[in-house]
Full PDB file with SEQRES, HELIX, SHEET, SSBOND, CRYST1, ORIGX, SCALE, CONECT and MASTER records, all heavy atoms in Angstrom:
SEQRES   1 A   36  ALA GLU GLY TRP ASP ALA PHE THR GLU ILE ALA ASP LEU          
SEQRES   2 A   36  ASP PHE ASP ALA GLY GLY ARG LEU TYR ILE ARG ASP GLU          
SEQRES   3 A   36  ALA GLY SER SER THR ARG ILE VAL VAL VAL                      
SHEET    1 AA1 3 ILE A  10  PHE A  15  0                                        
SHEET    2 AA1 3 LEU A  21  ALA A  27 -1                                        
SHEET    3 AA1 3 SER A  30  VAL A  35 -1                                        
CRYST1    1.000    1.000    1.000  90.00  90.00  90.00 P 1           1          
ORIGX1      1.000000  0.000000  0.000000        0.00000                         
ORIGX2      0.000000  1.000000  0.000000        0.00000                         
ORIGX3      0.000000  0.000000  1.000000        0.00000                         
SCALE1      1.000000  0.000000  0.000000        0.00000                         
SCALE2      0.000000  1.000000  0.000000        0.00000                         
SCALE3      0.000000  0.000000  1.000000        0.00000                         
ATOM      1  N   ALA A   1      97.056  82.138  90.014  1.00  0.00           N  
ATOM      2  CA  ALA A   1      98.247  81.407  90.471  1.00  0.00           C  
ATOM      3  C   ALA A   1      98.105  79.919  90.159  1.00  0.00           C  
ATOM      4  O   ALA A   1      97.041  79.315  90.398  1.00  0.00           O  
ATOM      5  CB  ALA A   1      98.460  81.654  91.957  1.00  0.00           C  
ATOM      6  N   GLU A   2      99.191  79.316  89.686  1.00  0.00           N  
ATOM      7  CA  GLU A   2      99.182  77.873  89.323  1.00  0.00           C  
ATOM      8  C   GLU A   2     100.269  77.107  89.978  1.00  0.00           C  
ATOM      9  O   GLU A   2     100.302  75.869  89.903  1.00  0.00           O  
ATOM     10  CB  GLU A   2      99.254  77.728  87.790  1.00  0.00           C  
ATOM     11  CG  GLU A   2      98.053  78.351  87.062  1.00  0.00           C  
ATOM     12  CD  GLU A   2      98.194  78.165  85.562  1.00  0.00           C  
ATOM     13  OE1 GLU A   2      99.292  77.735  85.094  1.00  0.00           O  
ATOM     14  OE2 GLU A   2      97.191  78.417  84.863  1.00  0.00           O  
ATOM     15  N   GLY A   3     101.259  77.743  90.561  1.00  0.00           N  
ATOM     16  CA  GLY A   3     102.428  77.067  91.129  1.00  0.00           C  
ATOM     17  C   GLY A   3     102.372  77.071  92.667  1.00  0.00           C  
ATOM     18  O   GLY A   3     101.361  76.872  93.290  1.00  0.00           O  
ATOM     19  N   TRP A   4     103.545  77.346  93.285  1.00  0.00           N  
ATOM     20  CA  TRP A   4     103.655  77.315  94.729  1.00  0.00           C  
ATOM     21  C   TRP A   4     102.754  78.365  95.411  1.00  0.00           C  
ATOM     22  O   TRP A   4     102.384  78.204  96.577  1.00  0.00           O  
ATOM     23  CB  TRP A   4     105.111  77.531  95.159  1.00  0.00           C  
ATOM     24  CG  TRP A   4     105.680  78.873  94.750  1.00  0.00           C  
ATOM     25  CD1 TRP A   4     106.355  79.185  93.635  1.00  0.00           C  
ATOM     26  CD2 TRP A   4     105.536  80.141  95.452  1.00  0.00           C  
ATOM     27  NE1 TRP A   4     106.680  80.509  93.555  1.00  0.00           N  
ATOM     28  CE2 TRP A   4     106.217  81.097  94.669  1.00  0.00           C  
ATOM     29  CE3 TRP A   4     104.953  80.502  96.619  1.00  0.00           C  
ATOM     30  CZ2 TRP A   4     106.278  82.445  95.085  1.00  0.00           C  
ATOM     31  CZ3 TRP A   4     105.027  81.843  97.043  1.00  0.00           C  
ATOM     32  CH2 TRP A   4     105.674  82.788  96.279  1.00  0.00           C  
ATOM     33  N   ASP A   5     102.414  79.431  94.655  1.00  0.00           N  
ATOM     34  CA  ASP A   5     101.616  80.525  95.235  1.00  0.00           C  
ATOM     35  C   ASP A   5     100.111  80.313  95.004  1.00  0.00           C  
ATOM     36  O   ASP A   5      99.330  81.263  95.175  1.00  0.00           O  
ATOM     37  CB  ASP A   5     102.045  81.870  94.705  1.00  0.00           C  
ATOM     38  CG  ASP A   5     101.970  81.969  93.193  1.00  0.00           C  
ATOM     39  OD1 ASP A   5     101.892  80.900  92.539  1.00  0.00           O  
ATOM     40  OD2 ASP A   5     102.016  83.080  92.675  1.00  0.00           O  
ATOM     41  N   ALA A   6      99.701  79.109  94.637  1.00  0.00           N  
ATOM     42  CA  ALA A   6      98.264  78.780  94.535  1.00  0.00           C  
ATOM     43  C   ALA A   6      97.792  78.320  95.857  1.00  0.00           C  
ATOM     44  O   ALA A   6      97.904  77.146  96.234  1.00  0.00           O  
ATOM     45  CB  ALA A   6      98.026  77.709  93.437  1.00  0.00           C  
ATOM     46  N   PHE A   7      97.235  79.243  96.655  1.00  0.00           N  
ATOM     47  CA  PHE A   7      96.840  78.966  98.023  1.00  0.00           C  
ATOM     48  C   PHE A   7      95.365  78.539  98.093  1.00  0.00           C  
ATOM     49  O   PHE A   7      94.550  78.944  97.277  1.00  0.00           O  
ATOM     50  CB  PHE A   7      97.090  80.173  98.899  1.00  0.00           C  
ATOM     51  CG  PHE A   7      98.478  80.645  98.931  1.00  0.00           C  
ATOM     52  CD1 PHE A   7      98.841  81.896  98.375  1.00  0.00           C  
ATOM     53  CD2 PHE A   7      99.485  79.882  99.485  1.00  0.00           C  
ATOM     54  CE1 PHE A   7     100.139  82.340  98.404  1.00  0.00           C  
ATOM     55  CE2 PHE A   7     100.805  80.314  99.492  1.00  0.00           C  
ATOM     56  CZ  PHE A   7     101.133  81.556  98.957  1.00  0.00           C  
ATOM     57  N   THR A   8      95.069  77.730  99.119  1.00  0.00           N  
ATOM     58  CA  THR A   8      93.691  77.284  99.300  1.00  0.00           C  
ATOM     59  C   THR A   8      93.039  77.985 100.466  1.00  0.00           C  
ATOM     60  O   THR A   8      91.987  78.618 100.333  1.00  0.00           O  
ATOM     61  CB  THR A   8      93.702  75.759  99.571  1.00  0.00           C  
ATOM     62  OG1 THR A   8      94.308  75.088  98.443  1.00  0.00           O  
ATOM     63  CG2 THR A   8      92.251  75.242  99.737  1.00  0.00           C  
ATOM     64  N   GLU A   9      93.593  77.891 101.667  1.00  0.00           N  
ATOM     65  CA  GLU A   9      93.052  78.588 102.834  1.00  0.00           C  
ATOM     66  C   GLU A   9      94.211  78.988 103.735  1.00  0.00           C  
ATOM     67  O   GLU A   9      94.929  78.125 104.271  1.00  0.00           O  
ATOM     68  CB  GLU A   9      92.105  77.672 103.582  1.00  0.00           C  
ATOM     69  CG  GLU A   9      91.499  78.321 104.804  1.00  0.00           C  
ATOM     70  CD  GLU A   9      90.510  77.384 105.568  1.00  0.00           C  
ATOM     71  OE1 GLU A   9      90.205  76.311 105.053  1.00  0.00           O  
ATOM     72  OE2 GLU A   9      90.109  77.779 106.689  1.00  0.00           O  
ATOM     73  N   ILE A  10      94.431  80.286 103.889  1.00  0.00           N  
ATOM     74  CA  ILE A  10      95.503  80.795 104.698  1.00  0.00           C  
ATOM     75  C   ILE A  10      95.090  80.767 106.178  1.00  0.00           C  
ATOM     76  O   ILE A  10      94.201  81.471 106.592  1.00  0.00           O  
ATOM     77  CB  ILE A  10      95.881  82.228 104.304  1.00  0.00           C  
ATOM     78  CG1 ILE A  10      96.157  82.341 102.803  1.00  0.00           C  
ATOM     79  CG2 ILE A  10      97.092  82.688 105.111  1.00  0.00           C  
ATOM     80  CD1 ILE A  10      97.252  81.430 102.303  1.00  0.00           C  
ATOM     81  N   ALA A  11      95.766  79.885 106.944  1.00  0.00           N  
ATOM     82  CA  ALA A  11      95.440  79.709 108.349  1.00  0.00           C  
ATOM     83  C   ALA A  11      96.269  80.583 109.255  1.00  0.00           C  
ATOM     84  O   ALA A  11      95.828  81.031 110.307  1.00  0.00           O  
ATOM     85  CB  ALA A  11      95.579  78.239 108.766  1.00  0.00           C  
ATOM     86  N   ASP A  12      97.528  80.840 108.911  1.00  0.00           N  
ATOM     87  CA  ASP A  12      98.442  81.643 109.703  1.00  0.00           C  
ATOM     88  C   ASP A  12      99.392  82.415 108.789  1.00  0.00           C  
ATOM     89  O   ASP A  12      99.821  81.922 107.732  1.00  0.00           O  
ATOM     90  CB  ASP A  12      99.282  80.772 110.649  1.00  0.00           C  
ATOM     91  CG  ASP A  12      98.488  80.233 111.838  1.00  0.00           C  
ATOM     92  OD1 ASP A  12      97.797  81.058 112.492  1.00  0.00           O  
ATOM     93  OD2 ASP A  12      98.548  79.004 112.079  1.00  0.00           O  
ATOM     94  N   LEU A  13      99.778  83.603 109.216  1.00  0.00           N  
ATOM     95  CA  LEU A  13     100.815  84.430 108.602  1.00  0.00           C  
ATOM     96  C   LEU A  13     101.676  84.970 109.696  1.00  0.00           C  
ATOM     97  O   LEU A  13     101.194  85.397 110.749  1.00  0.00           O  
ATOM     98  CB  LEU A  13     100.222  85.611 107.792  1.00  0.00           C  
ATOM     99  CG  LEU A  13      99.536  85.423 106.470  1.00  0.00           C  
ATOM    100  CD1 LEU A  13      99.061  86.775 105.947  1.00  0.00           C  
ATOM    101  CD2 LEU A  13     100.483  84.784 105.481  1.00  0.00           C  
ATOM    102  N   ASP A  14     102.999  85.023 109.438  1.00  0.00           N  
ATOM    103  CA  ASP A  14     103.904  85.625 110.467  1.00  0.00           C  
ATOM    104  C   ASP A  14     105.237  85.987 109.809  1.00  0.00           C  
ATOM    105  O   ASP A  14     105.635  85.364 108.781  1.00  0.00           O  
ATOM    106  CB  ASP A  14     104.120  84.639 111.590  1.00  0.00           C  
ATOM    107  CG  ASP A  14     104.455  85.362 112.913  1.00  0.00           C  
ATOM    108  OD1 ASP A  14     104.412  86.602 112.933  1.00  0.00           O  
ATOM    109  OD2 ASP A  14     104.728  84.689 113.935  1.00  0.00           O  
ATOM    110  N   PHE A  15     105.881  86.977 110.357  1.00  0.00           N  
ATOM    111  CA  PHE A  15     107.197  87.457 109.872  1.00  0.00           C  
ATOM    112  C   PHE A  15     108.310  87.035 110.826  1.00  0.00           C  
ATOM    113  O   PHE A  15     108.049  86.955 112.055  1.00  0.00           O  
ATOM    114  CB  PHE A  15     107.200  88.988 109.772  1.00  0.00           C  
ATOM    115  CG  PHE A  15     106.396  89.554 108.650  1.00  0.00           C  
ATOM    116  CD1 PHE A  15     105.081  89.922 108.827  1.00  0.00           C  
ATOM    117  CD2 PHE A  15     106.969  89.752 107.415  1.00  0.00           C  
ATOM    118  CE1 PHE A  15     104.344  90.514 107.822  1.00  0.00           C  
ATOM    119  CE2 PHE A  15     106.249  90.315 106.341  1.00  0.00           C  
ATOM    120  CZ  PHE A  15     104.947  90.723 106.565  1.00  0.00           C  
ATOM    121  N   ASP A  16     109.530  86.909 110.287  1.00  0.00           N  
ATOM    122  CA  ASP A  16     110.682  86.841 111.150  1.00  0.00           C  
ATOM    123  C   ASP A  16     111.377  88.179 111.125  1.00  0.00           C  
ATOM    124  O   ASP A  16     110.928  89.134 110.474  1.00  0.00           O  
ATOM    125  CB  ASP A  16     111.635  85.707 110.756  1.00  0.00           C  
ATOM    126  CG  ASP A  16     112.289  85.864 109.391  1.00  0.00           C  
ATOM    127  OD1 ASP A  16     112.297  87.027 108.847  1.00  0.00           O  
ATOM    128  OD2 ASP A  16     112.799  84.865 108.834  1.00  0.00           O  
ATOM    129  N   ALA A  17     112.501  88.339 111.882  1.00  0.00           N  
ATOM    130  CA  ALA A  17     113.173  89.624 112.023  1.00  0.00           C  
ATOM    131  C   ALA A  17     113.795  90.097 110.720  1.00  0.00           C  
ATOM    132  O   ALA A  17     114.079  91.287 110.574  1.00  0.00           O  
ATOM    133  CB  ALA A  17     114.227  89.524 113.136  1.00  0.00           C  
ATOM    134  N   GLY A  18     114.016  89.165 109.743  1.00  0.00           N  
ATOM    135  CA  GLY A  18     114.590  89.569 108.483  1.00  0.00           C  
ATOM    136  C   GLY A  18     113.560  89.920 107.428  1.00  0.00           C  
ATOM    137  O   GLY A  18     113.922  90.261 106.297  1.00  0.00           O  
ATOM    138  N   GLY A  19     112.264  89.943 107.799  1.00  0.00           N  
ATOM    139  CA  GLY A  19     111.244  90.330 106.863  1.00  0.00           C  
ATOM    140  C   GLY A  19     110.720  89.201 105.987  1.00  0.00           C  
ATOM    141  O   GLY A  19     109.888  89.443 105.103  1.00  0.00           O  
ATOM    142  N   ARG A  20     111.195  87.966 106.240  1.00  0.00           N  
ATOM    143  CA  ARG A  20     110.606  86.821 105.515  1.00  0.00           C  
ATOM    144  C   ARG A  20     109.190  86.538 106.055  1.00  0.00           C  
ATOM    145  O   ARG A  20     108.986  86.635 107.258  1.00  0.00           O  
ATOM    146  CB  ARG A  20     111.492  85.590 105.685  1.00  0.00           C  
ATOM    147  CG  ARG A  20     112.770  85.615 104.892  1.00  0.00           C  
ATOM    148  CD  ARG A  20     113.616  84.386 105.159  1.00  0.00           C  
ATOM    149  NE  ARG A  20     114.120  84.396 106.532  1.00  0.00           N  
ATOM    150  CZ  ARG A  20     115.387  84.351 106.872  1.00  0.00           C  
ATOM    151  NH1 ARG A  20     116.320  84.343 105.964  1.00  0.00           N  
ATOM    152  NH2 ARG A  20     115.741  84.346 108.171  1.00  0.00           N  
ATOM    153  N   LEU A  21     108.320  86.197 105.132  1.00  0.00           N  
ATOM    154  CA  LEU A  21     106.920  85.907 105.476  1.00  0.00           C  
ATOM    155  C   LEU A  21     106.701  84.397 105.447  1.00  0.00           C  
ATOM    156  O   LEU A  21     107.050  83.730 104.477  1.00  0.00           O  
ATOM    157  CB  LEU A  21     105.974  86.573 104.502  1.00  0.00           C  
ATOM    158  CG  LEU A  21     104.464  86.433 104.773  1.00  0.00           C  
ATOM    159  CD1 LEU A  21     104.069  87.064 106.095  1.00  0.00           C  
ATOM    160  CD2 LEU A  21     103.653  87.033 103.626  1.00  0.00           C  
ATOM    161  N   TYR A  22     106.058  83.875 106.497  1.00  0.00           N  
ATOM    162  CA  TYR A  22     105.775  82.460 106.616  1.00  0.00           C  
ATOM    163  C   TYR A  22     104.261  82.287 106.560  1.00  0.00           C  
ATOM    164  O   TYR A  22     103.489  82.962 107.246  1.00  0.00           O  
ATOM    165  CB  TYR A  22     106.311  81.903 107.935  1.00  0.00           C  
ATOM    166  CG  TYR A  22     107.796  82.001 108.062  1.00  0.00           C  
ATOM    167  CD1 TYR A  22     108.432  83.225 108.425  1.00  0.00           C  
ATOM    168  CD2 TYR A  22     108.631  80.916 107.800  1.00  0.00           C  
ATOM    169  CE1 TYR A  22     109.811  83.316 108.503  1.00  0.00           C  
ATOM    170  CE2 TYR A  22     110.011  80.996 107.913  1.00  0.00           C  
ATOM    171  CZ  TYR A  22     110.605  82.222 108.237  1.00  0.00           C  
ATOM    172  OH  TYR A  22     111.980  82.319 108.328  1.00  0.00           O  
ATOM    173  N   ILE A  23     103.842  81.328 105.710  1.00  0.00           N  
ATOM    174  CA  ILE A  23     102.430  81.150 105.392  1.00  0.00           C  
ATOM    175  C   ILE A  23     102.045  79.716 105.671  1.00  0.00           C  
ATOM    176  O   ILE A  23     102.686  78.766 105.197  1.00  0.00           O  
ATOM    177  CB  ILE A  23     102.140  81.434 103.874  1.00  0.00           C  
ATOM    178  CG1 ILE A  23     102.673  82.854 103.537  1.00  0.00           C  
ATOM    179  CG2 ILE A  23     100.681  81.292 103.538  1.00  0.00           C  
ATOM    180  CD1 ILE A  23     102.963  83.045 102.074  1.00  0.00           C  
ATOM    181  N   ARG A  24     100.952  79.547 106.475  1.00  0.00           N  
ATOM    182  CA  ARG A  24     100.385  78.173 106.637  1.00  0.00           C  
ATOM    183  C   ARG A  24      99.171  78.099 105.768  1.00  0.00           C  
ATOM    184  O   ARG A  24      98.174  78.791 105.995  1.00  0.00           O  
ATOM    185  CB  ARG A  24     100.045  77.876 108.112  1.00  0.00           C  
ATOM    186  CG  ARG A  24      99.346  76.558 108.276  1.00  0.00           C  
ATOM    187  CD  ARG A  24      99.338  76.046 109.742  1.00  0.00           C  
ATOM    188  NE  ARG A  24      98.425  76.765 110.586  1.00  0.00           N  
ATOM    189  CZ  ARG A  24      97.229  76.293 110.988  1.00  0.00           C  
ATOM    190  NH1 ARG A  24      96.787  75.152 110.520  1.00  0.00           N  
ATOM    191  NH2 ARG A  24      96.485  77.018 111.779  1.00  0.00           N  
ATOM    192  N   ASP A  25      99.212  77.180 104.795  1.00  0.00           N  
ATOM    193  CA  ASP A  25      98.127  77.019 103.863  1.00  0.00           C  
ATOM    194  C   ASP A  25      97.482  75.613 104.099  1.00  0.00           C  
ATOM    195  O   ASP A  25      98.174  74.641 104.129  1.00  0.00           O  
ATOM    196  CB  ASP A  25      98.662  77.070 102.412  1.00  0.00           C  
ATOM    197  CG  ASP A  25      97.544  76.970 101.371  1.00  0.00           C  
ATOM    198  OD1 ASP A  25      96.424  77.455 101.642  1.00  0.00           O  
ATOM    199  OD2 ASP A  25      97.801  76.400 100.294  1.00  0.00           O  
ATOM    200  N   GLU A  26      96.181  75.621 104.311  1.00  0.00           N  
ATOM    201  CA  GLU A  26      95.467  74.389 104.610  1.00  0.00           C  
ATOM    202  C   GLU A  26      94.598  74.001 103.390  1.00  0.00           C  
ATOM    203  O   GLU A  26      93.899  74.811 102.851  1.00  0.00           O  
ATOM    204  CB  GLU A  26      94.541  74.570 105.855  1.00  0.00           C  
ATOM    205  CG  GLU A  26      95.300  74.782 107.144  1.00  0.00           C  
ATOM    206  CD  GLU A  26      95.974  73.528 107.670  1.00  0.00           C  
ATOM    207  OE1 GLU A  26      95.604  72.408 107.200  1.00  0.00           O  
ATOM    208  OE2 GLU A  26      96.891  73.659 108.491  1.00  0.00           O  
ATOM    209  N   ALA A  27      94.733  72.751 102.975  1.00  0.00           N  
ATOM    210  CA  ALA A  27      93.944  72.234 101.865  1.00  0.00           C  
ATOM    211  C   ALA A  27      93.459  70.825 102.267  1.00  0.00           C  
ATOM    212  O   ALA A  27      94.196  69.840 102.194  1.00  0.00           O  
ATOM    213  CB  ALA A  27      94.809  72.146 100.605  1.00  0.00           C  
ATOM    214  N   GLY A  28      92.227  70.749 102.700  1.00  0.00           N  
ATOM    215  CA  GLY A  28      91.661  69.465 103.168  1.00  0.00           C  
ATOM    216  C   GLY A  28      92.399  69.008 104.404  1.00  0.00           C  
ATOM    217  O   GLY A  28      92.446  69.705 105.420  1.00  0.00           O  
ATOM    218  N   SER A  29      92.983  67.806 104.330  1.00  0.00           N  
ATOM    219  CA  SER A  29      93.702  67.269 105.470  1.00  0.00           C  
ATOM    220  C   SER A  29      95.216  67.561 105.427  1.00  0.00           C  
ATOM    221  O   SER A  29      95.947  67.077 106.253  1.00  0.00           O  
ATOM    222  CB  SER A  29      93.497  65.755 105.529  1.00  0.00           C  
ATOM    223  OG  SER A  29      93.987  65.129 104.350  1.00  0.00           O  
ATOM    224  N   SER A  30      95.659  68.325 104.445  1.00  0.00           N  
ATOM    225  CA  SER A  30      97.102  68.620 104.289  1.00  0.00           C  
ATOM    226  C   SER A  30      97.441  70.030 104.759  1.00  0.00           C  
ATOM    227  O   SER A  30      96.608  70.943 104.651  1.00  0.00           O  
ATOM    228  CB  SER A  30      97.543  68.424 102.848  1.00  0.00           C  
ATOM    229  OG  SER A  30      96.940  69.405 102.014  1.00  0.00           O  
ATOM    230  N   THR A  31      98.636  70.161 105.259  1.00  0.00           N  
ATOM    231  CA  THR A  31      99.182  71.461 105.718  1.00  0.00           C  
ATOM    232  C   THR A  31     100.464  71.768 104.974  1.00  0.00           C  
ATOM    233  O   THR A  31     101.327  70.889 104.854  1.00  0.00           O  
ATOM    234  CB  THR A  31      99.451  71.434 107.253  1.00  0.00           C  
ATOM    235  OG1 THR A  31      98.250  71.271 107.936  1.00  0.00           O  
ATOM    236  CG2 THR A  31     100.078  72.790 107.672  1.00  0.00           C  
ATOM    237  N   ARG A  32     100.555  72.950 104.429  1.00  0.00           N  
ATOM    238  CA  ARG A  32     101.741  73.352 103.684  1.00  0.00           C  
ATOM    239  C   ARG A  32     102.264  74.642 104.252  1.00  0.00           C  
ATOM    240  O   ARG A  32     101.531  75.597 104.477  1.00  0.00           O  
ATOM    241  CB  ARG A  32     101.337  73.531 102.225  1.00  0.00           C  
ATOM    242  CG  ARG A  32     102.487  73.903 101.276  1.00  0.00           C  
ATOM    243  CD  ARG A  32     101.991  73.863  99.827  1.00  0.00           C  
ATOM    244  NE  ARG A  32     100.990  74.872  99.572  1.00  0.00           N  
ATOM    245  CZ  ARG A  32     101.113  75.892  98.750  1.00  0.00           C  
ATOM    246  NH1 ARG A  32     102.252  76.064  98.079  1.00  0.00           N  
ATOM    247  NH2 ARG A  32     100.164  76.766  98.542  1.00  0.00           N  
ATOM    248  N   ILE A  33     103.606  74.687 104.500  1.00  0.00           N  
ATOM    249  CA  ILE A  33     104.258  75.922 104.975  1.00  0.00           C  
ATOM    250  C   ILE A  33     105.072  76.487 103.827  1.00  0.00           C  
ATOM    251  O   ILE A  33     105.897  75.790 103.191  1.00  0.00           O  
ATOM    252  CB  ILE A  33     105.172  75.631 106.151  1.00  0.00           C  
ATOM    253  CG1 ILE A  33     104.451  74.842 107.254  1.00  0.00           C  
ATOM    254  CG2 ILE A  33     105.737  76.937 106.709  1.00  0.00           C  
ATOM    255  CD1 ILE A  33     103.262  75.548 107.847  1.00  0.00           C  
ATOM    256  N   VAL A  34     104.804  77.765 103.515  1.00  0.00           N  
ATOM    257  CA  VAL A  34     105.497  78.429 102.424  1.00  0.00           C  
ATOM    258  C   VAL A  34     106.272  79.612 103.018  1.00  0.00           C  
ATOM    259  O   VAL A  34     105.734  80.398 103.834  1.00  0.00           O  
ATOM    260  CB  VAL A  34     104.507  78.935 101.358  1.00  0.00           C  
ATOM    261  CG1 VAL A  34     105.220  79.737 100.281  1.00  0.00           C  
ATOM    262  CG2 VAL A  34     103.748  77.793 100.746  1.00  0.00           C  
ATOM    263  N   VAL A  35     107.561  79.754 102.618  1.00  0.00           N  
ATOM    264  CA  VAL A  35     108.394  80.828 103.070  1.00  0.00           C  
ATOM    265  C   VAL A  35     108.717  81.755 101.926  1.00  0.00           C  
ATOM    266  O   VAL A  35     109.159  81.255 100.833  1.00  0.00           O  
ATOM    267  CB  VAL A  35     109.705  80.306 103.706  1.00  0.00           C  
ATOM    268  CG1 VAL A  35     110.482  81.452 104.352  1.00  0.00           C  
ATOM    269  CG2 VAL A  35     109.422  79.213 104.705  1.00  0.00           C  
ATOM    270  N   VAL A  36     108.480  83.044 102.062  1.00  0.00           N  
ATOM    271  CA  VAL A  36     108.677  84.034 100.965  1.00  0.00           C  
ATOM    272  C   VAL A  36     109.616  85.125 101.456  1.00  0.00           C  
ATOM    273  O   VAL A  36     109.570  85.561 102.577  1.00  0.00           O  
ATOM    274  CB  VAL A  36     107.285  84.647 100.587  1.00  0.00           C  
ATOM    275  CG1 VAL A  36     107.464  85.632  99.470  1.00  0.00           C  
ATOM    276  CG2 VAL A  36     106.332  83.545 100.219  1.00  0.00           C  
TER     277      VAL A  36                                                      
MASTER        0    0    0    0    3    0    0    6  276    1    0    3          
END                                                                             
């Protein structure tokens, strides 16, 4: 993976009622939330 799906450390995963997946990716001192 080289784009938005290049993850470093997955800290949290969770779904909403519509089946969307929410991902908390930690890279050093930064936090990134990705919705799929």
